[in-house]
Amino acid sequence: LPAEYAEKAQVPNIEIIFTAAIAFLWVLIYKAIKKINEIEKRLDEKINTDNSKLGESGSNSS
């Protein structure tokens, strides 16, 4: 390969770095949304079970 191509191959292009950063951020956002949905689901289940037990155990303040 000519020297100019070898120099370009040494350092990744800014486009490659930018694309990898965007993909990495998308993965982080996806995982965060997935975790938030899972927590909301657990809270909804907990609230529903607390409401069904409300008459026998009283209200929970937590």
PDB file of N, CA and C in Angstrom:
ATOM      1  N   LEU A   1       0.839  -1.203   0.000  1.00  0.00           N
ATOM      2  CA  LEU A   1       0.000   0.000   0.000  1.00  0.00           C
ATOM      3  C   LEU A   1       0.869   1.246   0.000  1.00  0.00           C
ATOM      4  N   PRO A   2       0.409   2.305  -0.656  1.00  0.00           N
ATOM      5  CA  PRO A   2       1.138   3.570  -0.595  1.00  0.00           C
ATOM      6  C   PRO A   2       1.170   4.109   0.832  1.00  0.00           C
ATOM      7  N   ALA A   3       2.110   4.980   1.098  1.00  0.00           N
ATOM      8  CA  ALA A   3       2.315   5.505   2.448  1.00  0.00           C
ATOM      9  C   ALA A   3       1.080   6.243   2.964  1.00  0.00           C
ATOM     10  N   GLU A   4       0.388   6.970   2.081  1.00  0.00           N
ATOM     11  CA  GLU A   4      -0.777   7.746   2.550  1.00  0.00           C
ATOM     12  C   GLU A   4      -1.900   6.827   3.047  1.00  0.00           C
ATOM     13  N   TYR A   5      -2.075   5.667   2.404  1.00  0.00           N
ATOM     14  CA  TYR A   5      -3.094   4.722   2.869  1.00  0.00           C
ATOM     15  C   TYR A   5      -2.676   4.090   4.195  1.00  0.00           C
ATOM     16  N   ALA A   6      -1.400   3.806   4.326  1.00  0.00           N
ATOM     17  CA  ALA A   6      -0.908   3.223   5.576  1.00  0.00           C
ATOM     18  C   ALA A   6      -1.105   4.197   6.733  1.00  0.00           C
ATOM     19  N   GLU A   7      -0.884   5.486   6.491  1.00  0.00           N
ATOM     20  CA  GLU A   7      -1.092   6.487   7.543  1.00  0.00           C
ATOM     21  C   GLU A   7      -2.565   6.560   7.921  1.00  0.00           C
ATOM     22  N   LYS A   8      -3.446   6.496   6.926  1.00  0.00           N
ATOM     23  CA  LYS A   8      -4.883   6.547   7.212  1.00  0.00           C
ATOM     24  C   LYS A   8      -5.327   5.314   7.993  1.00  0.00           C
ATOM     25  N   ALA A   9      -4.715   4.175   7.718  1.00  0.00           N
ATOM     26  CA  ALA A   9      -5.117   2.938   8.381  1.00  0.00           C
ATOM     27  C   ALA A   9      -4.687   2.908   9.844  1.00  0.00           C
ATOM     28  N   GLN A  10      -3.708   3.718  10.215  1.00  0.00           N
ATOM     29  CA  GLN A  10      -3.218   3.716  11.595  1.00  0.00           C
ATOM     30  C   GLN A  10      -4.277   4.237  12.561  1.00  0.00           C
ATOM     31  N   VAL A  11      -4.948   5.330  12.186  1.00  0.00           N
ATOM     32  CA  VAL A  11      -5.904   5.990  13.073  1.00  0.00           C
ATOM     33  C   VAL A  11      -7.302   5.806  12.496  1.00  0.00           C
ATOM     34  N   PRO A  12      -8.257   5.380  13.315  1.00  0.00           N
ATOM     35  CA  PRO A  12      -9.624   5.253  12.797  1.00  0.00           C
ATOM     36  C   PRO A  12     -10.176   6.607  12.368  1.00  0.00           C
ATOM     37  N   ASN A  13     -10.988   6.586  11.351  1.00  0.00           N
ATOM     38  CA  ASN A  13     -11.616   7.823  10.899  1.00  0.00           C
ATOM     39  C   ASN A  13     -12.535   8.364  11.970  1.00  0.00           C
ATOM     40  N   ILE A  14     -12.758   9.676  11.930  1.00  0.00           N
ATOM     41  CA  ILE A  14     -13.675  10.299  12.880  1.00  0.00           C
ATOM     42  C   ILE A  14     -15.083   9.748  12.690  1.00  0.00           C
ATOM     43  N   GLU A  15     -15.429   9.354  11.458  1.00  0.00           N
ATOM     44  CA  GLU A  15     -16.755   8.787  11.217  1.00  0.00           C
ATOM     45  C   GLU A  15     -16.922   7.456  11.941  1.00  0.00           C
ATOM     46  N   ILE A  16     -15.856   6.644  11.943  1.00  0.00           N
ATOM     47  CA  ILE A  16     -15.922   5.348  12.623  1.00  0.00           C
ATOM     48  C   ILE A  16     -16.065   5.560  14.127  1.00  0.00           C
ATOM     49  N   ILE A  17     -15.278   6.489  14.676  1.00  0.00           N
ATOM     50  CA  ILE A  17     -15.359   6.778  16.107  1.00  0.00           C
ATOM     51  C   ILE A  17     -16.748   7.306  16.450  1.00  0.00           C
ATOM     52  N   PHE A  18     -17.259   8.220  15.634  1.00  0.00           N
ATOM     53  CA  PHE A  18     -18.576   8.816  15.873  1.00  0.00           C
ATOM     54  C   PHE A  18     -19.672   7.752  15.817  1.00  0.00           C
ATOM     55  N   THR A  19     -19.612   6.889  14.805  1.00  0.00           N
ATOM     56  CA  THR A  19     -20.612   5.830  14.660  1.00  0.00           C
ATOM     57  C   THR A  19     -20.553   4.863  15.834  1.00  0.00           C
ATOM     58  N   ALA A  20     -19.351   4.499  16.260  1.00  0.00           N
ATOM     59  CA  ALA A  20     -19.213   3.590  17.399  1.00  0.00           C
ATOM     60  C   ALA A  20     -19.748   4.236  18.671  1.00  0.00           C
ATOM     61  N   ALA A  21     -19.500   5.539  18.849  1.00  0.00           N
ATOM     62  CA  ALA A  21     -20.002   6.237  20.034  1.00  0.00           C
ATOM     63  C   ALA A  21     -21.524   6.289  20.031  1.00  0.00           C
ATOM     64  N   ILE A  22     -22.112   6.564  18.868  1.00  0.00           N
ATOM     65  CA  ILE A  22     -23.573   6.607  18.771  1.00  0.00           C
ATOM     66  C   ILE A  22     -24.157   5.225  19.060  1.00  0.00           C
ATOM     67  N   ALA A  23     -23.558   4.184  18.497  1.00  0.00           N
ATOM     68  CA  ALA A  23     -24.048   2.823  18.740  1.00  0.00           C
ATOM     69  C   ALA A  23     -23.935   2.473  20.220  1.00  0.00           C
ATOM     70  N   PHE A  24     -22.824   2.854  20.846  1.00  0.00           N
ATOM     71  CA  PHE A  24     -22.624   2.589  22.268  1.00  0.00           C
ATOM     72  C   PHE A  24     -23.678   3.310  23.102  1.00  0.00           C
ATOM     73  N   LEU A  25     -23.957   4.570  22.753  1.00  0.00           N
ATOM     74  CA  LEU A  25     -24.985   5.324  23.482  1.00  0.00           C
ATOM     75  C   LEU A  25     -26.360   4.693  23.299  1.00  0.00           C
ATOM     76  N   TRP A  26     -26.671   4.230  22.084  1.00  0.00           N
ATOM     77  CA  TRP A  26     -27.960   3.574  21.856  1.00  0.00           C
ATOM     78  C   TRP A  26     -28.096   2.334  22.726  1.00  0.00           C
ATOM     79  N   VAL A  27     -27.005   1.569  22.847  1.00  0.00           N
ATOM     80  CA  VAL A  27     -27.048   0.364  23.687  1.00  0.00           C
ATOM     81  C   VAL A  27     -27.288   0.748  25.139  1.00  0.00           C
ATOM     82  N   LEU A  28     -26.596   1.786  25.628  1.00  0.00           N
ATOM     83  CA  LEU A  28     -26.795   2.227  27.010  1.00  0.00           C
ATOM     84  C   LEU A  28     -28.228   2.696  27.239  1.00  0.00           C
ATOM     85  N   ILE A  29     -28.761   3.472  26.293  1.00  0.00           N
ATOM     86  CA  ILE A  29     -30.132   3.977  26.430  1.00  0.00           C
ATOM     87  C   ILE A  29     -31.116   2.814  26.407  1.00  0.00           C
ATOM     88  N   TYR A  30     -30.891   1.849  25.510  1.00  0.00           N
ATOM     89  CA  TYR A  30     -31.782   0.684  25.423  1.00  0.00           C
ATOM     90  C   TYR A  30     -31.789  -0.095  26.735  1.00  0.00           C
ATOM     91  N   LYS A  31     -30.582  -0.316  27.297  1.00  0.00           N
ATOM     92  CA  LYS A  31     -30.500  -1.051  28.554  1.00  0.00           C
ATOM     93  C   LYS A  31     -31.167  -0.282  29.680  1.00  0.00           C
ATOM     94  N   ALA A  32     -31.006   1.042  29.710  1.00  0.00           N
ATOM     95  CA  ALA A  32     -31.621   1.857  30.759  1.00  0.00           C
ATOM     96  C   ALA A  32     -33.140   1.802  30.658  1.00  0.00           C
ATOM     97  N   ILE A  33     -33.671   1.916  29.446  1.00  0.00           N
ATOM     98  CA  ILE A  33     -35.126   1.868  29.259  1.00  0.00           C
ATOM     99  C   ILE A  33     -35.656   0.490  29.654  1.00  0.00           C
ATOM    100  N   LYS A  34     -34.930  -0.552  29.280  1.00  0.00           N
ATOM    101  CA  LYS A  34     -35.346  -1.908  29.628  1.00  0.00           C
ATOM    102  C   LYS A  34     -35.388  -2.077  31.145  1.00  0.00           C
ATOM    103  N   LYS A  35     -34.363  -1.563  31.838  1.00  0.00           N
ATOM    104  CA  LYS A  35     -34.307  -1.667  33.294  1.00  0.00           C
ATOM    105  C   LYS A  35     -35.428  -0.861  33.937  1.00  0.00           C
ATOM    106  N   ILE A  36     -35.698   0.334  33.424  1.00  0.00           N
ATOM    107  CA  ILE A  36     -36.772   1.169  33.969  1.00  0.00           C
ATOM    108  C   ILE A  36     -38.118   0.470  33.799  1.00  0.00           C
ATOM    109  N   ASN A  37     -38.354  -0.115  32.636  1.00  0.00           N
ATOM    110  CA  ASN A  37     -39.614  -0.833  32.412  1.00  0.00           C
ATOM    111  C   ASN A  37     -39.749  -2.019  33.358  1.00  0.00           C
ATOM    112  N   GLU A  38     -38.635  -2.712  33.602  1.00  0.00           N
ATOM    113  CA  GLU A  38     -38.663  -3.851  34.517  1.00  0.00           C
ATOM    114  C   GLU A  38     -38.987  -3.386  35.941  1.00  0.00           C
ATOM    115  N   ILE A  39     -38.389  -2.278  36.361  1.00  0.00           N
ATOM    116  CA  ILE A  39     -38.649  -1.745  37.703  1.00  0.00           C
ATOM    117  C   ILE A  39     -40.097  -1.287  37.816  1.00  0.00           C
ATOM    118  N   GLU A  40     -40.609  -0.612  36.777  1.00  0.00           N
ATOM    119  CA  GLU A  40     -42.014  -0.183  36.798  1.00  0.00           C
ATOM    120  C   GLU A  40     -42.943  -1.385  36.903  1.00  0.00           C
ATOM    121  N   LYS A  41     -42.625  -2.450  36.178  1.00  0.00           N
ATOM    122  CA  LYS A  41     -43.455  -3.655  36.225  1.00  0.00           C
ATOM    123  C   LYS A  41     -43.458  -4.241  37.630  1.00  0.00           C
ATOM    124  N   ARG A  42     -42.264  -4.313  38.247  1.00  0.00           N
ATOM    125  CA  ARG A  42     -42.181  -4.845  39.609  1.00  0.00           C
ATOM    126  C   ARG A  42     -42.948  -3.964  40.585  1.00  0.00           C
ATOM    127  N   LEU A  43     -42.838  -2.648  40.434  1.00  0.00           N
ATOM    128  CA  LEU A  43     -43.558  -1.735  41.330  1.00  0.00           C
ATOM    129  C   LEU A  43     -45.062  -1.890  41.155  1.00  0.00           C
ATOM    130  N   ASP A  44     -45.512  -2.014  39.900  1.00  0.00           N
ATOM    131  CA  ASP A  44     -46.942  -2.207  39.654  1.00  0.00           C
ATOM    132  C   ASP A  44     -47.432  -3.498  40.305  1.00  0.00           C
ATOM    133  N   GLU A  45     -46.635  -4.572  40.177  1.00  0.00           N
ATOM    134  CA  GLU A  45     -47.023  -5.833  40.805  1.00  0.00           C
ATOM    135  C   GLU A  45     -47.062  -5.685  42.318  1.00  0.00           C
ATOM    136  N   LYS A  46     -46.078  -4.977  42.880  1.00  0.00           N
ATOM    137  CA  LYS A  46     -46.032  -4.778  44.328  1.00  0.00           C
ATOM    138  C   LYS A  46     -47.221  -3.944  44.785  1.00  0.00           C
ATOM    139  N   ILE A  47     -47.545  -2.891  44.040  1.00  0.00           N
ATOM    140  CA  ILE A  47     -48.682  -2.040  44.404  1.00  0.00           C
ATOM    141  C   ILE A  47     -49.974  -2.846  44.330  1.00  0.00           C
ATOM    142  N   ASN A  48     -50.112  -3.659  43.294  1.00  0.00           N
ATOM    143  CA  ASN A  48     -51.326  -4.471  43.159  1.00  0.00           C
ATOM    144  C   ASN A  48     -51.449  -5.473  44.297  1.00  0.00           C
ATOM    145  N   THR A  49     -50.343  -6.113  44.676  1.00  0.00           N
ATOM    146  CA  THR A  49     -50.421  -7.071  45.778  1.00  0.00           C
ATOM    147  C   THR A  49     -50.652  -6.341  47.094  1.00  0.00           C
ATOM    148  N   ASP A  50     -50.069  -5.154  47.268  1.00  0.00           N
ATOM    149  CA  ASP A  50     -50.310  -4.374  48.483  1.00  0.00           C
ATOM    150  C   ASP A  50     -51.765  -3.942  48.559  1.00  0.00           C
ATOM    151  N   ASN A  51     -52.341  -3.542  47.428  1.00  0.00           N
ATOM    152  CA  ASN A  51     -53.737  -3.113  47.426  1.00  0.00           C
ATOM    153  C   ASN A  51     -54.674  -4.276  47.728  1.00  0.00           C
ATOM    154  N   SER A  52     -54.326  -5.458  47.274  1.00  0.00           N
ATOM    155  CA  SER A  52     -55.190  -6.604  47.550  1.00  0.00           C
ATOM    156  C   SER A  52     -55.096  -7.022  49.014  1.00  0.00           C
ATOM    157  N   LYS A  53     -53.951  -6.727  49.657  1.00  0.00           N
ATOM    158  CA  LYS A  53     -53.778  -7.064  51.069  1.00  0.00           C
ATOM    159  C   LYS A  53     -54.116  -5.883  51.975  1.00  0.00           C
ATOM    160  N   LEU A  54     -54.599  -4.801  51.397  1.00  0.00           N
ATOM    161  CA  LEU A  54     -54.783  -3.562  52.147  1.00  0.00           C
ATOM    162  C   LEU A  54     -55.738  -3.748  53.316  1.00  0.00           C
ATOM    163  N   GLY A  55     -56.808  -4.492  53.114  1.00  0.00           N
ATOM    164  CA  GLY A  55     -57.788  -4.666  54.169  1.00  0.00           C
ATOM    165  C   GLY A  55     -57.247  -5.427  55.363  1.00  0.00           C
ATOM    166  N   GLU A  56     -56.337  -6.372  55.129  1.00  0.00           N
ATOM    167  CA  GLU A  56     -55.890  -7.211  56.232  1.00  0.00           C
ATOM    168  C   GLU A  56     -54.621  -6.708  56.904  1.00  0.00           C
ATOM    169  N   SER A  57     -53.757  -5.959  56.168  1.00  0.00           N
ATOM    170  CA  SER A  57     -52.479  -5.579  56.765  1.00  0.00           C
ATOM    171  C   SER A  57     -52.310  -4.083  56.953  1.00  0.00           C
ATOM    172  N   GLY A  58     -53.232  -3.260  56.515  1.00  0.00           N
ATOM    173  CA  GLY A  58     -53.055  -1.821  56.638  1.00  0.00           C
ATOM    174  C   GLY A  58     -52.244  -1.277  55.501  1.00  0.00           C
ATOM    175  N   SER A  59     -52.005   0.031  55.510  1.00  0.00           N
ATOM    176  CA  SER A  59     -51.312   0.658  54.388  1.00  0.00           C
ATOM    177  C   SER A  59     -49.816   0.688  54.639  1.00  0.00           C
ATOM    178  N   ASN A  60     -49.061   0.530  53.572  1.00  0.00           N
ATOM    179  CA  ASN A  60     -47.607   0.657  53.637  1.00  0.00           C
ATOM    180  C   ASN A  60     -47.218   2.066  53.243  1.00  0.00           C
ATOM    181  N   SER A  61     -46.326   2.690  54.018  1.00  0.00           N
ATOM    182  CA  SER A  61     -45.927   4.061  53.702  1.00  0.00           C
ATOM    183  C   SER A  61     -44.654   4.104  52.881  1.00  0.00           C
ATOM    184  N   SER A  62     -44.084   2.950  52.490  1.00  0.00           N
ATOM    185  CA  SER A  62     -42.826   2.975  51.758  1.00  0.00           C
ATOM    186  C   SER A  62     -43.012   2.913  50.303  1.00  0.00           C
TER     187      SER A  62
END
